[in-house]
C-alpha atoms as a PDB file:
ATOM      1  CA  MET A   1      -5.453   3.859 -22.614  1.00  0.00           C
ATOM      2  CA  GLY A   2      -7.162   1.291 -20.379  1.00  0.00           C
ATOM      3  CA  ALA A   3      -7.000   1.353 -16.597  1.00  0.00           C
ATOM      4  CA  ALA A   4      -4.355  -1.372 -16.542  1.00  0.00           C
ATOM      5  CA  GLY A   5      -2.107   0.752 -18.758  1.00  0.00           C
ATOM      6  CA  ARG A   6      -2.810   3.995 -16.952  1.00  0.00           C
ATOM      7  CA  HIS A   7       0.137   5.901 -15.583  1.00  0.00           C
ATOM      8  CA  ARG A   8      -0.162   6.847 -11.916  1.00  0.00           C
ATOM      9  CA  THR A   9       0.219  10.500 -12.846  1.00  0.00           C
ATOM     10  CA  GLU A  10      -2.985  10.467 -14.909  1.00  0.00           C
ATOM     11  CA  ARG A  11      -6.142  11.595 -13.150  1.00  0.00           C
ATOM     12  CA  VAL A  12      -9.060   9.198 -12.862  1.00  0.00           C
ATOM     13  CA  THR A  13     -12.460  10.669 -13.660  1.00  0.00           C
ATOM     14  CA  LYS A  14     -15.434  10.394 -11.323  1.00  0.00           C
ATOM     15  CA  ASP A  15     -17.151   8.200 -13.913  1.00  0.00           C
ATOM     16  CA  GLU A  16     -14.171   5.807 -13.897  1.00  0.00           C
ATOM     17  CA  VAL A  17     -14.261   5.672 -10.093  1.00  0.00           C
ATOM     18  CA  LYS A  18     -18.002   4.891 -10.164  1.00  0.00           C
ATOM     19  CA  ALA A  19     -17.499   2.219 -12.829  1.00  0.00           C
ATOM     20  CA  VAL A  20     -14.760   0.388 -10.943  1.00  0.00           C
ATOM     21  CA  LEU A  21     -16.697   0.574  -7.674  1.00  0.00           C
ATOM     22  CA  GLU A  22     -19.681  -1.029  -9.413  1.00  0.00           C
ATOM     23  CA  ARG A  23     -17.401  -3.947 -10.413  1.00  0.00           C
ATOM     24  CA  VAL A  24     -15.992  -4.471  -6.915  1.00  0.00           C
ATOM     25  CA  PRO A  25     -18.659  -7.050  -5.923  1.00  0.00           C
ATOM     26  CA  THR A  26     -17.366  -9.287  -8.738  1.00  0.00           C
ATOM     27  CA  TRP A  27     -13.855  -9.309  -7.237  1.00  0.00           C
ATOM     28  CA  PRO A  28     -12.563 -12.090  -4.977  1.00  0.00           C
ATOM     29  CA  GLU A  29     -13.567 -11.593  -1.345  1.00  0.00           C
ATOM     30  CA  ASP A  30     -10.010 -10.933  -0.134  1.00  0.00           C
ATOM     31  CA  ARG A  31      -9.517  -8.143  -2.688  1.00  0.00           C
ATOM     32  CA  GLN A  32     -12.838  -6.573  -1.698  1.00  0.00           C
ATOM     33  CA  GLN A  33     -11.640  -6.651   1.923  1.00  0.00           C
ATOM     34  CA  GLU A  34      -8.345  -5.026   0.935  1.00  0.00           C
ATOM     35  CA  LEU A  35     -10.130  -2.220  -0.918  1.00  0.00           C
ATOM     36  CA  ALA A  36     -12.498  -1.659   2.008  1.00  0.00           C
ATOM     37  CA  GLU A  37      -9.578  -1.370   4.450  1.00  0.00           C
ATOM     38  CA  ILE A  38      -7.796   1.134   2.213  1.00  0.00           C
ATOM     39  CA  ALA A  39     -10.974   3.173   1.716  1.00  0.00           C
ATOM     40  CA  LEU A  40     -11.617   3.257   5.463  1.00  0.00           C
ATOM     41  CA  GLU A  41      -8.036   4.424   6.099  1.00  0.00           C
ATOM     42  CA  ILE A  42      -8.499   7.243   3.582  1.00  0.00           C
ATOM     43  CA  GLU A  43     -11.804   8.249   5.181  1.00  0.00           C
ATOM     44  CA  ALA A  44     -10.189   8.306   8.615  1.00  0.00           C
ATOM     45  CA  GLU A  45      -7.361  10.503   7.315  1.00  0.00           C
ATOM     46  CA  LEU A  46      -9.847  12.892   5.726  1.00  0.00           C
ATOM     47  CA  ALA A  47     -11.755  13.065   9.002  1.00  0.00           C
ATOM     48  CA  GLY A  48      -8.540  13.929  10.832  1.00  0.00           C
ATOM     49  CA  ALA A  49      -8.338  10.681  12.769  1.00  0.00           C
ATOM     50  CA  GLU A  50      -4.949   9.502  13.963  1.00  0.00           C
ATOM     51  CA  TYR A  51      -3.528   6.397  12.330  1.00  0.00           C
ATOM     52  CA  GLU A  52      -3.690   3.225  14.398  1.00  0.00           C
ATOM     53  CA  ALA A  53      -1.271   0.481  13.393  1.00  0.00           C
ATOM     54  CA  THR A  54      -2.623  -3.045  13.119  1.00  0.00           C
ATOM     55  CA  PRO A  55      -1.280  -5.767  15.418  1.00  0.00           C
ATOM     56  CA  ASP A  56       0.705  -7.177  12.464  1.00  0.00           C
ATOM     57  CA  GLU A  57       2.233  -3.765  11.745  1.00  0.00           C
ATOM     58  CA  LEU A  58       3.142  -3.295  15.405  1.00  0.00           C
ATOM     59  CA  ALA A  59       4.764  -6.742  15.481  1.00  0.00           C
ATOM     60  CA  ALA A  60       6.797  -5.910  12.355  1.00  0.00           C
ATOM     61  CA  ILE A  61       7.910  -2.613  13.916  1.00  0.00           C
ATOM     62  CA  ASP A  62       8.929  -4.400  17.126  1.00  0.00           C
ATOM     63  CA  GLU A  63      10.841  -6.999  15.124  1.00  0.00           C
ATOM     64  CA  GLY A  64      12.663  -4.311  13.182  1.00  0.00           C
ATOM     65  CA  LEU A  65      13.552  -2.385  16.317  1.00  0.00           C
ATOM     66  CA  SER A  66      14.815  -5.466  18.144  1.00  0.00           C
ATOM     67  CA  GLY A  67      17.337  -6.379  15.462  1.00  0.00           C
ATOM     68  CA  GLU A  68      20.702  -4.869  14.805  1.00  0.00           C
ATOM     69  CA  ALA A  69      21.040  -2.126  12.246  1.00  0.00           C
ATOM     70  CA  ALA A  70      22.963  -3.022   9.107  1.00  0.00           C
ATOM     71  CA  SER A  71      26.495  -1.732   8.852  1.00  0.00           C
ATOM     72  CA  GLU A  72      27.386   0.749   6.137  1.00  0.00           C
ATOM     73  CA  GLU A  73      29.214  -2.053   4.317  1.00  0.00           C
ATOM     74  CA  GLU A  74      26.139  -4.297   4.438  1.00  0.00           C
ATOM     75  CA  VAL A  75      23.961  -1.505   3.087  1.00  0.00           C
ATOM     76  CA  ASP A  76      26.438  -0.787   0.277  1.00  0.00           C
ATOM     77  CA  ALA A  77      26.555  -4.500  -0.605  1.00  0.00           C
ATOM     78  CA  ALA A  78      22.771  -4.730  -0.669  1.00  0.00           C
ATOM     79  CA  PHE A  79      22.427  -1.711  -2.966  1.00  0.00           C
ATOM     80  CA  ALA A  80      25.171  -3.087  -5.205  1.00  0.00           C
ATOM     81  CA  SER A  81      23.271  -6.365  -5.567  1.00  0.00           C
ATOM     82  CA  PHE A  82      20.088  -4.462  -6.488  1.00  0.00           C
ATOM     83  CA  ARG A  83      21.926  -2.539  -9.184  1.00  0.00           C
ATOM     84  CA  LYS A  84      23.169  -5.788 -10.758  1.00  0.00           C
ATOM     85  CA  ALA A  85      19.650  -7.235 -10.992  1.00  0.00           C
END
């Protein structure tokens, strides 16, 4: 099964990791940036560094905290609409 069809529960071999990393320079610049950010976050976690939210993440948290919480009825209605989809 190819990488695109791989289930998330399947382990990736070291050779597969090396192969995909060799292809990264052929990716669009924004996707290379995204991979680099994720890799740096993983490295920081492995080194025991504390997570630091980005300004965008902090703004989203502030926005969420400043709004009103949904009522139980609103939550039920939202879940009901998801089930219909």
